[in-house]
């Protein structure tokens, strides 16, 4: 993959994230960092000084839509790069090859159950490959979400609760893993008077906080020492919300923000390019 420097800069700016993982030379391969890349979220994850940069591209297409419901085809792509750090970007250094790739297409259905409440559900079935080791995995995920708009002054809070499952299995049958989780959080505006117009798009600063609890502990394989098992994490952050998607509508980028997540030995600075919770 050798796109122009401009395109690579734009793509990294829009979609970059990273997840805790192994170095290429480690004998114990960690499938988690790329098999679950689309569900763990974009960001700079770091565990025991190990990291791999991952680009999440949230592509989606609306299949049908009316006043109360919509059906969408989601086709997110995640690309991973070994031995690449955020501090390389200002120097113009970009990854020379793709280390991992994940494609997790699925169907998402949204329906309005009330004027202030939306119910969402999805099912994904995908594929992931580690080019450095030649291994590949089948990926499956499903979930349901509740989004409640709270009528409170002019900050328009959104209370979100999600329950989801994800799992993978290597094609040789040697490795498989699943995890399920519940998350709950609130996304709240700063004030209606803080909004502004930018090139015909209304921009609103918003703050959020969320908690994540994993029923099956999420495992990150470490090259030195014991594996890291994650049972919970907390996250706080801020975003700029756009009244309509910017750049390309099919990428669905309607937020840009930054957050910090921590729990069970995993710390993460996340770059956000969608609804954060």
Protein backbone atom coordinates (compact mmCIF):
# COMPACT_ATOMS: atom_id res chain seq x y z
CA UNK A 1 0.00 0.00 0.00
CA UNK A 2 1.67 3.25 -1.12
CA UNK A 3 -0.83 6.15 -1.34
CA UNK A 4 0.40 9.73 -1.61
CA UNK A 5 1.71 11.53 1.48
CA UNK A 6 -1.34 13.79 1.50
CA UNK A 7 -3.78 10.89 1.42
CA UNK A 8 -1.91 9.04 4.14
CA UNK A 9 -1.90 12.16 6.32
CA UNK A 10 -5.62 12.65 5.79
CA UNK A 11 -6.44 9.01 6.48
CA UNK A 12 -4.35 8.91 9.65
CA UNK A 13 -5.90 12.17 10.85
CA UNK A 14 -9.42 10.88 10.30
CA UNK A 15 -9.18 7.31 11.50
CA UNK A 16 -6.08 6.55 13.58
CA UNK A 17 -6.19 4.53 16.77
CA UNK A 18 -4.10 1.92 18.48
CA UNK A 19 -4.55 -1.17 20.63
CA UNK A 20 -2.30 -3.01 23.04
CA UNK A 21 -0.52 -5.91 21.34
CA UNK A 22 2.66 -7.88 20.77
CA UNK A 23 5.76 -7.18 18.74
CA UNK A 24 6.11 -9.09 15.50
CA UNK A 25 8.84 -11.34 16.80
CA UNK A 26 6.96 -12.67 19.77
CA UNK A 27 6.18 -16.39 19.66
CA UNK A 28 2.83 -16.11 21.43
CA UNK A 29 0.60 -14.35 18.98
CA UNK A 30 -2.12 -12.06 20.27
CA UNK A 31 -5.22 -12.19 18.06
CA UNK A 32 -7.20 -9.80 20.29
CA UNK A 33 -5.59 -6.58 19.10
CA UNK A 34 -6.82 -6.97 15.53
CA UNK A 35 -9.76 -9.40 15.79
CA UNK A 36 -11.59 -7.00 18.14
CA UNK A 37 -10.19 -3.74 16.74
CA UNK A 38 -13.56 -2.55 15.45
CA UNK A 39 -15.27 -3.12 18.82
CA UNK A 40 -12.62 -1.91 21.25
CA UNK A 41 -12.61 1.46 19.50
CA UNK A 42 -9.93 3.66 18.01
CA UNK A 43 -7.28 5.14 20.26
CA UNK A 44 -3.77 4.97 21.62
CA UNK A 45 -3.95 1.87 23.85
CA UNK A 46 -0.91 0.95 25.88
CA UNK A 47 -0.28 -2.06 28.13
CA UNK A 48 3.12 -2.93 29.62
CA UNK A 49 4.78 -0.68 27.03
CA UNK A 50 3.42 -2.66 24.07
CA UNK A 51 1.48 -1.03 21.23
CA UNK A 52 0.35 -1.47 17.65
CA UNK A 53 -1.19 1.33 15.60
CA UNK A 54 -4.60 0.53 14.08
CA UNK A 55 -6.65 2.56 11.62
CA UNK A 56 -10.42 2.10 11.90
CA UNK A 57 -12.41 3.22 8.85
CA UNK A 58 -16.15 3.34 9.79
CA UNK A 59 -17.82 2.84 6.39
CA UNK A 60 -21.63 2.44 6.25
CA UNK A 61 -24.46 2.65 3.71
CA UNK A 62 -28.16 3.26 4.36
CA UNK A 63 -30.31 0.50 2.82
CA UNK A 64 -33.71 1.83 3.84
CA UNK A 65 -34.99 4.64 6.03
CA UNK A 66 -38.26 6.20 7.13
CA UNK A 67 -39.47 8.51 9.88
CA UNK A 68 -39.18 5.90 12.65
CA UNK A 69 -36.53 3.35 11.59
CA UNK A 70 -33.51 2.69 9.39
CA UNK A 71 -31.57 -0.30 8.11
CA UNK A 72 -27.85 0.09 7.31
CA UNK A 73 -25.04 -1.99 5.88
CA UNK A 74 -21.87 -1.45 7.91
CA UNK A 75 -18.55 -2.37 6.28
CA UNK A 76 -15.81 -1.15 8.66
CA UNK A 77 -12.17 -1.85 7.83
CA UNK A 78 -9.34 -1.92 10.39
CA UNK A 79 -5.67 -1.80 9.35
CA UNK A 80 -2.81 -2.44 11.79
CA UNK A 81 0.82 -1.29 11.61
CA UNK A 82 3.65 -2.72 13.70
CA UNK A 83 6.52 -0.66 15.14
CA UNK A 84 4.82 2.67 14.49
CA UNK A 85 4.28 5.43 17.07
CA UNK A 86 2.30 8.66 17.13
CA UNK A 87 5.46 10.73 17.53
CA UNK A 88 6.53 9.57 14.04
CA UNK A 89 3.74 11.63 12.42
CA UNK A 90 5.20 15.15 12.83
CA UNK A 91 8.44 13.92 11.26
CA UNK A 92 6.60 12.68 8.19
CA UNK A 93 7.32 9.02 8.90
CA UNK A 94 4.50 6.70 7.87
CA UNK A 95 4.16 2.93 8.12
CA UNK A 96 5.66 1.15 5.13
CA UNK A 97 3.48 -1.96 5.22
CA UNK A 98 0.20 -3.22 6.65
CA UNK A 99 0.64 -5.71 9.50
CA UNK A 100 -2.99 -6.73 10.05
CA UNK A 101 -6.33 -6.17 8.32
CA UNK A 102 -9.87 -6.80 9.56
CA UNK A 103 -13.14 -6.57 7.62
CA UNK A 104 -16.35 -6.94 9.66
CA UNK A 105 -19.46 -6.30 7.54
CA UNK A 106 -22.83 -6.38 9.24
CA UNK A 107 -26.41 -5.17 9.40
CA UNK A 108 -27.59 -2.47 11.82
CA UNK A 109 -31.25 -1.73 12.55
CA UNK A 110 -32.42 1.40 14.37
CA UNK A 111 -35.95 2.17 15.49
CA UNK A 112 -37.59 5.02 17.41
CA UNK A 113 -39.71 3.54 20.23
CA UNK A 114 -40.62 7.03 21.48
CA UNK A 115 -39.90 10.64 20.60
CA UNK A 116 -36.90 10.63 22.95
CA UNK A 117 -35.77 6.98 22.75
CA UNK A 118 -33.99 4.91 20.08
CA UNK A 119 -33.28 1.18 20.08
CA UNK A 120 -30.36 -0.16 18.01
CA UNK A 121 -29.26 -3.70 17.16
CA UNK A 122 -26.58 -5.18 14.92
CA UNK A 123 -25.05 -8.46 13.72
CA UNK A 124 -21.55 -8.70 12.18
CA UNK A 125 -19.67 -11.55 10.53
CA UNK A 126 -16.12 -10.80 9.45
CA UNK A 127 -12.53 -11.82 8.75
CA UNK A 128 -9.12 -10.78 10.06
CA UNK A 129 -5.58 -11.53 8.88
CA UNK A 130 -2.10 -11.04 10.36
CA UNK A 131 0.17 -10.66 7.35
CA UNK A 132 3.37 -11.03 9.35
CA UNK A 133 2.46 -14.46 10.75
CA UNK A 134 0.11 -15.66 8.01
CA UNK A 135 -2.69 -16.42 10.48
CA UNK A 136 -6.33 -15.49 9.97
CA UNK A 137 -9.50 -15.52 12.05
CA UNK A 138 -13.26 -15.55 11.62
CA UNK A 139 -15.03 -12.84 13.64
CA UNK A 140 -18.62 -12.61 14.88
CA UNK A 141 -20.36 -9.93 16.94
CA UNK A 142 -23.89 -8.92 17.92
CA UNK A 143 -25.37 -6.34 20.24
CA UNK A 144 -28.30 -4.17 21.30
CA UNK A 145 -28.32 -0.56 22.51
CA UNK A 146 -30.68 1.91 24.14
CA UNK A 147 -30.27 5.69 23.60
CA UNK A 148 -32.42 8.04 25.68
CA UNK A 149 -32.54 11.79 24.99
CA UNK A 150 -32.95 13.63 28.30
CA UNK A 151 -34.78 16.95 28.35
CA UNK A 152 -32.52 18.98 30.64
CA UNK A 153 -32.08 22.71 30.07
CA UNK A 154 -30.12 23.39 26.86
CA UNK A 155 -27.35 20.76 27.11
CA UNK A 156 -29.39 17.86 25.64
CA UNK A 157 -27.87 14.84 27.48
CA UNK A 158 -28.00 11.39 25.85
CA UNK A 159 -27.99 8.39 28.20
CA UNK A 160 -26.62 5.29 26.46
CA UNK A 161 -26.67 1.62 27.52
CA UNK A 162 -25.21 -1.14 25.34
CA UNK A 163 -24.96 -4.92 25.66
CA UNK A 164 -22.80 -6.75 23.11
CA UNK A 165 -20.87 -9.92 22.36
CA UNK A 166 -17.81 -10.52 20.18
CA UNK A 167 -15.76 -13.59 19.39
CA UNK A 168 -13.16 -14.97 17.01
CA UNK A 169 -11.78 -18.34 15.97
CA UNK A 170 -8.58 -19.00 14.02
CA UNK A 171 -9.09 -20.90 10.78
CA UNK A 172 -6.78 -23.69 11.93
CA UNK A 173 -9.01 -24.18 14.98
CA UNK A 174 -6.13 -23.66 17.39
CA UNK A 175 -7.27 -20.42 19.05
CA UNK A 176 -10.68 -18.99 19.87
CA UNK A 177 -11.91 -16.40 22.34
CA UNK A 178 -15.09 -14.53 23.18
CA UNK A 179 -16.04 -11.62 25.37
CA UNK A 180 -19.29 -9.90 26.25
CA UNK A 181 -19.74 -6.54 27.89
CA UNK A 182 -22.17 -3.93 29.08
CA UNK A 183 -21.43 -0.24 28.86
CA UNK A 184 -23.28 2.73 30.22
CA UNK A 185 -22.57 6.41 29.84
CA UNK A 186 -23.83 9.90 29.24
CA UNK A 187 -23.00 12.38 26.47
CA UNK A 188 -23.84 15.98 27.33
CA UNK A 189 -23.60 19.32 25.53
CA UNK A 190 -21.76 22.29 26.99
CA UNK A 191 -24.34 24.96 26.22
CA UNK A 192 -26.45 25.92 23.24
CA UNK A 193 -24.67 29.31 23.07
CA UNK A 194 -21.29 27.63 22.56
CA UNK A 195 -22.24 26.30 19.12
CA UNK A 196 -20.93 27.85 15.95
CA UNK A 197 -21.17 27.46 12.19
CA UNK A 198 -18.19 26.11 10.20
CA UNK A 199 -18.50 25.95 6.41
CA UNK A 200 -22.24 25.40 6.66
CA UNK A 201 -21.95 22.73 9.39
CA UNK A 202 -23.11 23.41 12.96
CA UNK A 203 -20.43 22.48 15.52
CA UNK A 204 -21.21 21.74 19.18
CA UNK A 205 -18.69 20.89 21.96
CA UNK A 206 -19.84 17.93 24.07
CA UNK A 207 -18.48 16.02 27.09
CA UNK A 208 -18.99 12.36 27.94
CA UNK A 209 -18.24 9.72 30.59
CA UNK A 210 -18.74 5.96 30.30
CA UNK A 211 -18.10 2.73 32.17
CA UNK A 212 -17.38 -0.69 30.62
CA UNK A 213 -17.86 -4.03 32.41
CA UNK A 214 -16.74 -7.29 30.74
CA UNK A 215 -18.55 -10.50 31.68
CA UNK A 216 -15.73 -12.55 30.12
CA UNK A 217 -12.39 -10.94 30.93
CA UNK A 218 -10.72 -9.54 27.85
CA UNK A 219 -7.19 -10.94 27.53
CA UNK A 220 -4.13 -9.23 26.05
CA UNK A 221 -1.13 -11.54 25.55
CA UNK A 222 2.11 -9.96 26.80
CA UNK A 223 5.56 -10.94 25.49
CA UNK A 224 7.09 -10.53 28.96
CA UNK A 225 5.29 -11.35 32.20
CA UNK A 226 1.70 -12.35 32.74
CA UNK A 227 -1.14 -11.66 30.32
CA UNK A 228 -3.36 -8.68 31.09
CA UNK A 229 -6.99 -9.50 31.89
CA UNK A 230 -9.41 -6.59 31.62
CA UNK A 231 -12.68 -6.79 33.58
CA UNK A 232 -13.68 -3.13 33.64
CA UNK A 233 -12.65 0.34 32.52
CA UNK A 234 -13.79 3.95 32.84
CA UNK A 235 -13.54 6.66 30.22
CA UNK A 236 -13.95 10.45 30.08
CA UNK A 237 -13.55 12.72 27.09
CA UNK A 238 -14.74 15.59 24.91
CA UNK A 239 -15.86 15.78 21.29
CA UNK A 240 -16.95 18.26 18.65
CA UNK A 241 -20.32 17.14 17.27
CA UNK A 242 -21.22 18.06 13.68
CA UNK A 243 -24.77 18.56 12.45
CA UNK A 244 -23.95 16.37 9.42
CA UNK A 245 -21.05 14.06 8.45
CA UNK A 246 -17.90 15.83 7.27
CA UNK A 247 -15.48 14.72 4.53
CA UNK A 248 -17.23 11.72 2.92
CA UNK A 249 -20.74 10.88 4.08
CA UNK A 250 -20.17 7.14 3.62
CA UNK A 251 -17.46 7.26 6.31
CA UNK A 252 -20.00 8.68 8.76
CA UNK A 253 -17.57 11.00 10.60
CA UNK A 254 -19.91 13.19 12.66
CA UNK A 255 -17.63 13.58 15.70
CA UNK A 256 -14.00 14.45 16.39
CA UNK A 257 -12.69 14.19 19.93
CA UNK A 258 -10.24 12.88 22.49
CA UNK A 259 -10.70 10.72 25.59
CA UNK A 260 -8.79 8.84 28.27
CA UNK A 261 -9.71 5.28 29.29
CA UNK A 262 -8.20 3.27 32.16
CA UNK A 263 -8.83 0.01 34.00
CA UNK A 264 -7.06 -3.21 35.04
CA UNK A 265 -3.61 -2.08 33.90
CA UNK A 266 -4.69 -0.77 30.48
CA UNK A 267 -4.48 2.96 29.77
CA UNK A 268 -5.70 4.50 26.53
CA UNK A 269 -5.74 7.87 24.84
CA UNK A 270 -8.43 7.56 22.20
CA UNK A 271 -8.98 9.63 19.09
CA UNK A 272 -12.72 9.64 18.38
CA UNK A 273 -14.40 9.95 14.99
CA UNK A 274 -17.97 8.83 15.78
CA UNK A 275 -20.49 8.88 18.64
CA UNK A 276 -18.17 8.15 21.59
CA UNK A 277 -20.27 5.81 23.75
